[in-house]
């Protein structure tokens, strides 16, 4: 159960997070958790909408799904890392791909953390 903001520590107070997830329920859940933790959140449901969000929102942290249609999270982190303004933003891969190889692949691709659903 998610606690309300009165009892949940705001560990992300005044931080900006970009959450990218193609599953609406998962996107809503991740955004809600980050908001409760105090973050200002921009949510995107695809590679293209994430790049659009980055034009108007500079996050302190990225939370990216790996398994998305068309362009996956690896393509997205590569694009983000290729741009000077976003190349150093910490990124967390949130994915159902949970093997040690998947973790190594995510870290090699430019993520700082890998967690599975």
N, C-alpha and C. Protein backbone atom coordinates (compact mmCIF):
# COMPACT_ATOMS: atom_id res chain seq x y z
N UNK A 1 0.83 -1.18 0.00
CA UNK A 1 0.00 0.00 0.00
C UNK A 1 0.89 1.25 0.00
N UNK A 2 0.56 2.21 -0.82
CA UNK A 2 1.29 3.46 -0.87
C UNK A 2 0.78 4.36 0.24
N UNK A 3 1.70 4.88 1.03
CA UNK A 3 1.32 5.78 2.09
C UNK A 3 1.02 7.15 1.51
N UNK A 4 0.22 7.94 2.25
CA UNK A 4 -0.04 9.29 1.75
C UNK A 4 1.17 10.18 2.00
N UNK A 5 1.17 11.33 1.38
CA UNK A 5 2.35 12.20 1.43
C UNK A 5 2.62 12.75 2.82
N UNK A 6 1.65 12.69 3.73
CA UNK A 6 1.87 13.19 5.08
C UNK A 6 2.79 12.27 5.88
N UNK A 7 2.84 10.98 5.52
CA UNK A 7 3.66 10.04 6.27
C UNK A 7 4.82 9.48 5.47
N UNK A 8 4.83 9.69 4.19
CA UNK A 8 5.88 9.18 3.32
C UNK A 8 6.98 10.23 3.21
N UNK A 9 8.22 9.88 3.49
CA UNK A 9 9.28 10.90 3.43
C UNK A 9 9.45 11.43 2.00
N UNK A 10 9.60 12.72 1.88
CA UNK A 10 9.76 13.35 0.57
C UNK A 10 11.24 13.38 0.19
N UNK A 11 11.76 12.19 -0.10
CA UNK A 11 13.19 12.06 -0.41
C UNK A 11 13.56 12.69 -1.75
N UNK A 12 12.58 12.96 -2.57
CA UNK A 12 12.83 13.57 -3.88
C UNK A 12 12.29 14.99 -3.96
N UNK A 13 12.13 15.64 -2.81
CA UNK A 13 11.60 17.00 -2.79
C UNK A 13 12.41 17.91 -3.71
N UNK A 14 11.68 18.67 -4.52
CA UNK A 14 12.28 19.64 -5.45
C UNK A 14 13.16 18.99 -6.52
N UNK A 15 12.98 17.72 -6.77
CA UNK A 15 13.68 17.03 -7.86
C UNK A 15 12.70 16.81 -9.00
N UNK A 16 13.23 16.74 -10.20
CA UNK A 16 12.41 16.51 -11.38
C UNK A 16 12.72 15.12 -11.93
N UNK A 17 11.68 14.38 -12.24
CA UNK A 17 11.84 13.02 -12.77
C UNK A 17 11.06 12.88 -14.08
N UNK A 18 11.69 12.23 -15.04
CA UNK A 18 11.01 11.85 -16.27
C UNK A 18 10.79 10.35 -16.21
N UNK A 19 9.53 9.94 -16.30
CA UNK A 19 9.16 8.53 -16.30
C UNK A 19 8.67 8.18 -17.70
N UNK A 20 9.25 7.13 -18.28
CA UNK A 20 8.85 6.69 -19.61
C UNK A 20 8.47 5.22 -19.52
N UNK A 21 7.21 4.94 -19.83
CA UNK A 21 6.64 3.59 -19.72
C UNK A 21 5.46 3.50 -20.66
N UNK A 22 5.42 2.47 -21.50
CA UNK A 22 4.33 2.36 -22.48
C UNK A 22 3.05 1.78 -21.88
N UNK A 23 3.12 1.10 -20.75
CA UNK A 23 1.93 0.57 -20.09
C UNK A 23 1.34 1.67 -19.20
N UNK A 24 0.10 2.09 -19.49
CA UNK A 24 -0.51 3.21 -18.79
C UNK A 24 -0.58 2.99 -17.29
N UNK A 25 -0.98 1.80 -16.85
CA UNK A 25 -1.09 1.54 -15.41
C UNK A 25 0.27 1.63 -14.73
N UNK A 26 1.28 1.06 -15.34
CA UNK A 26 2.63 1.12 -14.77
C UNK A 26 3.14 2.56 -14.76
N UNK A 27 2.87 3.30 -15.82
CA UNK A 27 3.27 4.70 -15.90
C UNK A 27 2.61 5.51 -14.78
N UNK A 28 1.32 5.32 -14.61
CA UNK A 28 0.60 6.04 -13.56
C UNK A 28 1.13 5.68 -12.18
N UNK A 29 1.41 4.41 -11.94
CA UNK A 29 1.92 3.97 -10.64
C UNK A 29 3.29 4.57 -10.35
N UNK A 30 4.21 4.47 -11.31
CA UNK A 30 5.55 5.03 -11.12
C UNK A 30 5.48 6.54 -10.89
N UNK A 31 4.67 7.24 -11.67
CA UNK A 31 4.54 8.69 -11.50
C UNK A 31 3.97 9.03 -10.13
N UNK A 32 2.98 8.28 -9.68
CA UNK A 32 2.38 8.52 -8.37
C UNK A 32 3.39 8.31 -7.25
N UNK A 33 4.14 7.24 -7.31
CA UNK A 33 5.15 6.96 -6.28
C UNK A 33 6.18 8.10 -6.22
N UNK A 34 6.63 8.53 -7.38
CA UNK A 34 7.62 9.61 -7.41
C UNK A 34 7.04 10.93 -6.90
N UNK A 35 5.79 11.20 -7.22
CA UNK A 35 5.13 12.41 -6.72
C UNK A 35 4.98 12.36 -5.20
N UNK A 36 4.60 11.22 -4.67
CA UNK A 36 4.47 11.07 -3.22
C UNK A 36 5.83 11.30 -2.54
N UNK A 37 6.90 10.88 -3.23
CA UNK A 37 8.25 11.08 -2.70
C UNK A 37 8.72 12.52 -2.87
N UNK A 38 7.88 13.37 -3.45
CA UNK A 38 8.19 14.79 -3.54
C UNK A 38 8.65 15.29 -4.90
N UNK A 39 8.79 14.41 -5.86
CA UNK A 39 9.31 14.81 -7.17
C UNK A 39 8.25 15.52 -8.01
N UNK A 40 8.73 16.38 -8.88
CA UNK A 40 7.91 16.93 -9.95
C UNK A 40 8.13 15.98 -11.12
N UNK A 41 7.04 15.46 -11.67
CA UNK A 41 7.14 14.36 -12.63
C UNK A 41 6.59 14.75 -13.99
N UNK A 42 7.35 14.40 -15.02
CA UNK A 42 6.86 14.42 -16.39
C UNK A 42 6.73 12.97 -16.81
N UNK A 43 5.61 12.62 -17.41
CA UNK A 43 5.37 11.24 -17.83
C UNK A 43 5.28 11.18 -19.34
N UNK A 44 5.86 10.13 -19.90
CA UNK A 44 5.84 9.91 -21.34
C UNK A 44 5.58 8.43 -21.60
N UNK A 45 4.86 8.14 -22.68
CA UNK A 45 4.50 6.75 -22.95
C UNK A 45 5.23 6.14 -24.15
N UNK A 46 6.24 6.86 -24.68
CA UNK A 46 6.97 6.35 -25.84
C UNK A 46 8.30 7.07 -25.99
N UNK A 47 9.13 6.53 -26.86
CA UNK A 47 10.40 7.15 -27.23
C UNK A 47 10.18 8.59 -27.67
N UNK A 48 9.26 8.77 -28.63
CA UNK A 48 9.02 10.10 -29.19
C UNK A 48 8.49 11.08 -28.16
N UNK A 49 7.54 10.64 -27.33
CA UNK A 49 6.99 11.56 -26.32
C UNK A 49 8.03 11.87 -25.24
N UNK A 50 8.95 10.97 -24.99
CA UNK A 50 10.03 11.25 -24.04
C UNK A 50 10.95 12.34 -24.58
N UNK A 51 11.29 12.25 -25.85
CA UNK A 51 12.15 13.28 -26.45
C UNK A 51 11.45 14.63 -26.47
N UNK A 52 10.16 14.64 -26.71
CA UNK A 52 9.40 15.89 -26.65
C UNK A 52 9.40 16.46 -25.24
N UNK A 53 9.22 15.60 -24.24
CA UNK A 53 9.23 16.05 -22.85
C UNK A 53 10.58 16.66 -22.48
N UNK A 54 11.66 16.08 -22.98
CA UNK A 54 13.00 16.58 -22.67
C UNK A 54 13.27 17.96 -23.28
N UNK A 55 12.48 18.36 -24.25
CA UNK A 55 12.62 19.70 -24.83
C UNK A 55 12.10 20.78 -23.90
N UNK A 56 11.18 20.42 -23.00
CA UNK A 56 10.56 21.41 -22.12
C UNK A 56 10.77 21.12 -20.63
N UNK A 57 11.47 20.05 -20.30
CA UNK A 57 11.60 19.60 -18.91
C UNK A 57 12.98 18.99 -18.74
N UNK A 58 13.79 19.53 -17.84
CA UNK A 58 15.11 18.96 -17.59
C UNK A 58 15.06 18.17 -16.29
N UNK A 59 15.05 16.86 -16.37
CA UNK A 59 14.92 16.04 -15.16
C UNK A 59 16.25 15.87 -14.41
N UNK A 60 16.12 15.57 -13.13
CA UNK A 60 17.26 15.20 -12.30
C UNK A 60 17.50 13.70 -12.34
N UNK A 61 16.47 12.97 -12.74
CA UNK A 61 16.55 11.51 -12.82
C UNK A 61 15.62 11.02 -13.93
N UNK A 62 16.03 9.93 -14.56
CA UNK A 62 15.23 9.27 -15.60
C UNK A 62 14.81 7.90 -15.09
N UNK A 63 13.56 7.55 -15.30
CA UNK A 63 13.05 6.22 -14.98
C UNK A 63 12.45 5.69 -16.28
N UNK A 64 13.16 4.75 -16.91
CA UNK A 64 12.80 4.33 -18.26
C UNK A 64 12.49 2.85 -18.35
N UNK A 65 11.40 2.54 -19.03
CA UNK A 65 11.07 1.16 -19.37
C UNK A 65 12.01 0.71 -20.48
N UNK A 66 12.33 -0.57 -20.49
CA UNK A 66 13.17 -1.12 -21.57
C UNK A 66 12.30 -1.63 -22.71
N UNK A 67 11.28 -2.44 -22.39
CA UNK A 67 10.50 -3.12 -23.43
C UNK A 67 9.35 -2.28 -23.94
N UNK A 68 9.65 -1.36 -24.84
CA UNK A 68 8.62 -0.52 -25.45
C UNK A 68 8.56 -0.82 -26.94
N UNK A 69 7.39 -0.63 -27.56
CA UNK A 69 7.29 -0.85 -29.00
C UNK A 69 8.05 0.21 -29.79
N UNK A 70 8.32 -0.07 -31.02
CA UNK A 70 9.03 0.79 -31.97
C UNK A 70 10.47 0.98 -31.54
N UNK A 71 10.74 1.87 -30.60
CA UNK A 71 12.10 2.08 -30.08
C UNK A 71 12.10 1.74 -28.60
N UNK A 72 13.00 0.87 -28.18
CA UNK A 72 13.01 0.43 -26.78
C UNK A 72 13.82 1.39 -25.90
N UNK A 73 13.89 1.05 -24.62
CA UNK A 73 14.61 1.87 -23.66
C UNK A 73 16.10 1.99 -23.94
N UNK A 74 16.68 0.97 -24.57
CA UNK A 74 18.09 1.06 -24.94
C UNK A 74 18.32 2.12 -26.02
N UNK A 75 17.41 2.18 -26.98
CA UNK A 75 17.51 3.22 -28.01
C UNK A 75 17.29 4.60 -27.39
N UNK A 76 16.38 4.68 -26.43
CA UNK A 76 16.11 5.95 -25.78
C UNK A 76 17.30 6.43 -24.95
N UNK A 77 17.90 5.56 -24.16
CA UNK A 77 19.04 5.98 -23.34
C UNK A 77 20.22 6.35 -24.25
N UNK A 78 20.38 5.66 -25.37
CA UNK A 78 21.46 6.02 -26.31
C UNK A 78 21.24 7.43 -26.86
N UNK A 79 20.00 7.73 -27.22
CA UNK A 79 19.68 9.07 -27.73
C UNK A 79 19.90 10.13 -26.65
N UNK A 80 19.46 9.84 -25.43
CA UNK A 80 19.63 10.78 -24.32
C UNK A 80 21.11 11.00 -24.03
N UNK A 81 21.89 9.93 -24.03
CA UNK A 81 23.32 10.04 -23.73
C UNK A 81 24.09 10.74 -24.84
N UNK A 82 23.51 10.82 -26.04
CA UNK A 82 24.21 11.47 -27.16
C UNK A 82 24.06 12.99 -27.13
N UNK A 83 23.23 13.50 -26.25
CA UNK A 83 22.98 14.94 -26.18
C UNK A 83 23.68 15.54 -24.96
N UNK A 84 24.39 16.63 -25.15
CA UNK A 84 25.19 17.23 -24.09
C UNK A 84 24.38 17.60 -22.85
N UNK A 85 23.18 18.12 -23.03
CA UNK A 85 22.38 18.57 -21.89
C UNK A 85 21.82 17.43 -21.04
N UNK A 86 21.73 16.25 -21.62
CA UNK A 86 21.10 15.14 -20.90
C UNK A 86 22.02 13.95 -20.66
N UNK A 87 23.24 14.02 -21.13
CA UNK A 87 24.10 12.84 -21.09
C UNK A 87 24.49 12.38 -19.69
N UNK A 88 24.41 13.25 -18.69
CA UNK A 88 24.85 12.87 -17.35
C UNK A 88 23.70 12.68 -16.35
N UNK A 89 22.46 12.71 -16.82
CA UNK A 89 21.32 12.53 -15.92
C UNK A 89 21.27 11.06 -15.48
N UNK A 90 21.22 10.80 -14.16
CA UNK A 90 21.12 9.41 -13.70
C UNK A 90 19.86 8.75 -14.25
N UNK A 91 20.00 7.47 -14.63
CA UNK A 91 18.88 6.76 -15.23
C UNK A 91 18.71 5.38 -14.60
N UNK A 92 17.44 5.05 -14.36
CA UNK A 92 17.06 3.75 -13.81
C UNK A 92 16.28 3.00 -14.89
N UNK A 93 16.69 1.78 -15.19
CA UNK A 93 15.96 0.92 -16.11
C UNK A 93 14.93 0.13 -15.29
N UNK A 94 13.65 0.28 -15.63
CA UNK A 94 12.59 -0.48 -14.99
C UNK A 94 12.04 -1.43 -16.04
N UNK A 95 12.15 -2.73 -15.77
CA UNK A 95 11.87 -3.69 -16.83
C UNK A 95 11.47 -5.05 -16.30
N UNK A 96 10.85 -5.82 -17.13
CA UNK A 96 10.57 -7.21 -16.83
C UNK A 96 11.74 -8.11 -17.20
N UNK A 97 12.73 -7.56 -17.90
CA UNK A 97 13.91 -8.32 -18.27
C UNK A 97 14.83 -8.37 -17.05
N UNK A 98 14.91 -9.54 -16.40
CA UNK A 98 15.49 -9.60 -15.06
C UNK A 98 16.69 -10.53 -14.89
N UNK A 99 17.28 -10.99 -15.96
CA UNK A 99 18.43 -11.88 -15.82
C UNK A 99 19.68 -11.06 -15.53
N UNK A 100 20.72 -11.69 -15.02
CA UNK A 100 21.98 -10.97 -14.84
C UNK A 100 22.51 -10.37 -16.14
N UNK A 101 22.29 -11.05 -17.25
CA UNK A 101 22.71 -10.52 -18.55
C UNK A 101 21.93 -9.26 -18.89
N UNK A 102 20.62 -9.26 -18.59
CA UNK A 102 19.80 -8.07 -18.83
C UNK A 102 20.31 -6.89 -18.01
N UNK A 103 20.67 -7.15 -16.76
CA UNK A 103 21.21 -6.10 -15.89
C UNK A 103 22.51 -5.56 -16.48
N UNK A 104 23.40 -6.44 -16.87
CA UNK A 104 24.68 -6.02 -17.45
C UNK A 104 24.46 -5.20 -18.72
N UNK A 105 23.51 -5.63 -19.54
CA UNK A 105 23.21 -4.92 -20.78
C UNK A 105 22.71 -3.51 -20.47
N UNK A 106 21.82 -3.38 -19.49
CA UNK A 106 21.29 -2.07 -19.12
C UNK A 106 22.40 -1.15 -18.61
N UNK A 107 23.24 -1.68 -17.74
CA UNK A 107 24.33 -0.86 -17.19
C UNK A 107 25.32 -0.46 -18.29
N UNK A 108 25.60 -1.36 -19.20
CA UNK A 108 26.51 -1.06 -20.31
C UNK A 108 25.90 -0.04 -21.27
N UNK A 109 24.58 -0.02 -21.36
CA UNK A 109 23.89 0.88 -22.28
C UNK A 109 23.85 2.33 -21.77
N UNK A 110 24.14 2.52 -20.47
CA UNK A 110 24.14 3.88 -19.95
C UNK A 110 23.25 4.12 -18.75
N UNK A 111 22.61 3.08 -18.27
CA UNK A 111 21.81 3.19 -17.06
C UNK A 111 22.71 3.07 -15.84
N UNK A 112 22.35 3.74 -14.74
CA UNK A 112 23.09 3.61 -13.50
C UNK A 112 22.49 2.54 -12.59
N UNK A 113 21.23 2.18 -12.83
CA UNK A 113 20.56 1.18 -12.00
C UNK A 113 19.59 0.39 -12.87
N UNK A 114 19.32 -0.84 -12.45
CA UNK A 114 18.43 -1.75 -13.17
C UNK A 114 17.52 -2.40 -12.14
N UNK A 115 16.24 -2.31 -12.32
CA UNK A 115 15.30 -2.97 -11.44
C UNK A 115 14.24 -3.65 -12.29
N UNK A 116 13.72 -4.76 -11.81
CA UNK A 116 12.72 -5.49 -12.59
C UNK A 116 11.39 -5.48 -11.88
N UNK A 117 10.34 -5.56 -12.71
CA UNK A 117 8.96 -5.53 -12.21
C UNK A 117 8.51 -6.93 -11.91
